[in-house]
Amino acid sequence: MSESTGDEATSDDHSDELSPRKFESLKKLASKNYGEFAMQVQHMSEDVQKKLIEQLPEFRQLAGSALDSLDKSFKVFLKSADEGDRQVHDAYREQRAILDQMLKEPDFSLDEKLRINAEIAKTVAGQHRLNAEAKAAKAGAHAKTILGGVAVIGLIAVAVTGGKFGLDQGNSDT
């Protein structure tokens, strides 16, 4: 048995044990790029994955930080988009105010007042179009944020289980 233990020790050095250097490398990677970390962990044996997670107490915190980062990015996007939208809406309001003042000019003919009214209608249509585009952009960004969150959660699951349980289950049905 001691011969196989010697072989196992050699095997353990490469697959079942995590050297301090490799652990530190993975720990740094997890804090910098959680997705890359999860991908590397996925290729390790299930025992090494479990040991890594046990040795990395901030594992859940890192995953939470990745999700927080997605949330912050989405909030920054919304703030930026809202500020840009607000500026355009203000410009539309200013344009309408000028056109409204022109309508009050007693010297303008009915034809001129109708053209001014048509310009006011264009500003309203432009503002409605802006609202629709802004809503679509925000919905798209929200969907991407949700997909990013799902990807992070999926990477966590893959990192924890190595996807082996799902593959084993799939193979046992056939």
Protein backbone atom coordinates (compact mmCIF):
# COMPACT_ATOMS: atom_id res chain seq x y z
CA MET A 1 0.00 0.00 0.00
CA SER A 2 2.86 2.36 0.71
CA GLU A 3 3.84 2.17 -2.97
CA SER A 4 0.41 3.33 -4.07
CA THR A 5 0.52 5.99 -1.35
CA GLY A 6 3.74 7.23 -2.89
CA ASP A 7 2.06 7.30 -6.29
CA GLU A 8 -0.94 9.05 -4.80
CA ALA A 9 1.32 11.63 -3.19
CA THR A 10 2.81 12.40 -6.59
CA SER A 11 -0.68 12.51 -8.09
CA ASP A 12 -1.85 14.63 -5.15
CA ASP A 13 0.87 17.17 -5.80
CA HIS A 14 -0.58 17.78 -9.27
CA SER A 15 -4.32 17.31 -8.93
CA ASP A 16 -5.57 16.90 -5.37
CA GLU A 17 -3.51 19.48 -3.50
CA LEU A 18 -3.30 23.15 -4.01
CA SER A 19 0.18 24.54 -3.59
CA PRO A 20 0.43 27.77 -1.62
CA ARG A 21 1.73 29.50 -4.73
CA LYS A 22 -1.18 28.28 -6.88
CA PHE A 23 -3.63 29.21 -4.13
CA GLU A 24 -2.26 32.76 -3.91
CA SER A 25 -2.33 33.04 -7.70
CA LEU A 26 -5.97 31.92 -7.81
CA LYS A 27 -6.86 34.20 -4.90
CA LYS A 28 -5.42 37.22 -6.74
CA LEU A 29 -7.19 36.18 -9.92
CA ALA A 30 -10.49 35.83 -8.08
CA SER A 31 -10.22 39.36 -6.73
CA LYS A 32 -9.26 40.82 -10.14
CA ASN A 33 -11.30 38.78 -12.59
CA TYR A 34 -13.85 36.50 -11.00
CA GLY A 35 -15.03 35.06 -14.32
CA GLU A 36 -11.52 33.94 -15.28
CA PHE A 37 -11.05 32.51 -11.79
CA ALA A 38 -14.24 30.45 -12.13
CA MET A 39 -13.14 29.18 -15.53
CA GLN A 40 -9.78 28.02 -14.16
CA VAL A 41 -11.39 26.38 -11.13
CA GLN A 42 -13.78 24.54 -13.42
CA HIS A 43 -10.88 22.55 -14.87
CA MET A 44 -9.69 21.30 -11.48
CA SER A 45 -10.80 18.12 -9.80
CA GLU A 46 -13.87 18.29 -7.60
CA ASP A 47 -11.74 17.62 -4.49
CA VAL A 48 -9.37 20.48 -5.34
CA GLN A 49 -12.33 22.78 -5.98
CA LYS A 50 -13.80 21.98 -2.59
CA LYS A 51 -10.44 22.47 -0.88
CA LEU A 52 -9.95 25.77 -2.68
CA ILE A 53 -13.35 27.03 -1.64
CA GLU A 54 -12.74 25.92 1.94
CA GLN A 55 -9.41 27.77 1.94
CA LEU A 56 -10.90 30.84 0.31
CA PRO A 57 -13.32 32.12 2.94
CA GLU A 58 -14.08 35.19 0.90
CA PHE A 59 -15.33 33.04 -2.00
CA ARG A 60 -18.96 34.07 -1.50
CA GLN A 61 -17.87 37.65 -0.89
CA LEU A 62 -16.02 37.63 -4.22
CA ALA A 63 -19.09 36.31 -5.99
CA GLY A 64 -21.19 38.94 -4.25
CA SER A 65 -18.68 41.60 -5.25
CA ALA A 66 -18.96 40.51 -8.87
CA LEU A 67 -22.74 40.90 -8.68
CA ASP A 68 -22.39 44.26 -6.89
CA SER A 69 -20.08 45.43 -9.64
CA LEU A 70 -22.71 44.57 -12.25
CA ASP A 71 -25.32 46.47 -10.24
CA LYS A 72 -23.08 49.54 -9.91
CA SER A 73 -22.30 49.51 -13.63
CA PHE A 74 -26.00 49.42 -14.43
CA LYS A 75 -26.70 52.32 -12.04
CA VAL A 76 -23.90 54.39 -13.61
CA PHE A 77 -25.35 53.66 -17.04
CA LEU A 78 -28.82 54.74 -15.91
CA LYS A 79 -27.51 57.94 -14.35
CA SER A 80 -25.57 58.81 -17.50
CA ALA A 81 -28.51 58.01 -19.76
CA ASP A 82 -30.90 59.99 -17.56
CA GLU A 83 -28.61 63.04 -17.62
CA GLY A 84 -28.34 62.93 -21.41
CA ASP A 85 -32.11 62.50 -21.75
CA ARG A 86 -32.73 65.40 -19.37
CA GLN A 87 -30.55 67.71 -21.48
CA VAL A 88 -32.43 66.82 -24.66
CA HIS A 89 -35.80 67.22 -22.95
CA ASP A 90 -34.72 70.66 -21.70
CA ALA A 91 -33.73 71.63 -25.25
CA TYR A 92 -37.13 70.51 -26.58
CA ARG A 93 -38.87 72.56 -23.86
CA GLU A 94 -36.80 75.64 -24.73
CA GLN A 95 -37.58 75.24 -28.42
CA ARG A 96 -41.29 74.94 -27.70
CA ALA A 97 -41.20 78.02 -25.45
CA ILE A 98 -39.61 80.05 -28.25
CA LEU A 99 -42.17 78.76 -30.76
CA ASP A 100 -44.98 79.48 -28.30
CA GLN A 101 -43.79 83.09 -27.99
CA MET A 102 -43.74 83.35 -31.78
CA LEU A 103 -47.38 82.19 -31.90
CA LYS A 104 -48.30 85.21 -29.78
CA GLU A 105 -46.95 87.63 -32.38
CA PRO A 106 -49.93 89.60 -33.72
CA ASP A 107 -48.23 90.33 -37.05
CA PHE A 108 -47.90 86.68 -38.10
CA SER A 109 -50.37 85.35 -40.64
CA LEU A 110 -52.50 82.26 -40.04
CA ASP A 111 -50.24 80.33 -42.43
CA GLU A 112 -47.13 81.31 -40.43
CA LYS A 113 -48.85 80.35 -37.16
CA LEU A 114 -49.81 76.98 -38.64
CA ARG A 115 -46.15 76.36 -39.62
CA ILE A 116 -45.06 77.27 -36.07
CA ASN A 117 -47.70 74.92 -34.68
CA ALA A 118 -46.32 72.15 -36.95
CA GLU A 119 -42.83 72.82 -35.54
CA ILE A 120 -44.21 72.50 -32.01
CA ALA A 121 -45.75 69.16 -33.01
CA LYS A 122 -42.33 68.04 -34.30
CA THR A 123 -40.75 68.79 -30.93
CA VAL A 124 -43.44 66.74 -29.18
CA ALA A 125 -42.91 63.84 -31.62
CA GLY A 126 -39.14 64.07 -31.13
CA GLN A 127 -39.55 63.95 -27.38
CA HIS A 128 -41.82 60.90 -27.61
CA ARG A 129 -39.26 59.19 -29.88
CA LEU A 130 -36.50 60.01 -27.38
CA ASN A 131 -38.55 58.47 -24.56
CA ALA A 132 -39.15 55.29 -26.55
CA GLU A 133 -35.47 54.97 -27.49
CA ALA A 134 -34.37 55.63 -23.90
CA LYS A 135 -36.74 52.98 -22.56
CA ALA A 136 -35.49 50.47 -25.14
CA ALA A 137 -31.84 51.23 -24.31
CA LYS A 138 -32.49 50.91 -20.58
CA ALA A 139 -34.39 47.64 -21.06
CA GLY A 140 -31.52 46.29 -23.17
CA ALA A 141 -28.95 47.33 -20.58
CA HIS A 142 -31.07 45.78 -17.83
CA ALA A 143 -31.33 42.53 -19.76
CA LYS A 144 -27.55 42.46 -20.25
CA THR A 145 -27.04 43.12 -16.55
CA ILE A 146 -29.37 40.26 -15.66
CA LEU A 147 -27.57 37.96 -18.11
CA GLY A 148 -24.25 39.02 -16.60
CA GLY A 149 -25.58 38.19 -13.14
CA VAL A 150 -26.84 34.83 -14.33
CA ALA A 151 -23.42 34.18 -15.88
CA VAL A 152 -21.66 35.01 -12.62
CA ILE A 153 -24.02 32.75 -10.69
CA GLY A 154 -23.48 30.03 -13.31
CA LEU A 155 -19.72 30.42 -13.01
CA ILE A 156 -20.02 30.10 -9.24
CA ALA A 157 -21.99 26.89 -9.65
CA VAL A 158 -19.47 25.59 -12.18
CA ALA A 159 -16.60 26.57 -9.91
CA VAL A 160 -18.17 24.81 -6.95
CA THR A 161 -19.30 21.68 -8.73
CA GLY A 162 -17.09 21.64 -11.79
CA GLY A 163 -20.19 20.87 -13.78
CA LYS A 164 -19.41 17.23 -13.14
CA PHE A 165 -22.62 16.48 -11.27
CA GLY A 166 -24.72 17.67 -14.22
CA LEU A 167 -22.59 15.75 -16.70
CA ASP A 168 -22.71 12.63 -14.55
CA GLN A 169 -26.49 12.92 -14.26
CA GLY A 170 -26.81 13.38 -18.02
CA ASN A 171 -24.63 10.34 -18.69
CA SER A 172 -26.56 8.14 -16.26
CA ASP A 173 -29.83 8.72 -18.14
CA THR A 174 -28.47 7.35 -21.39
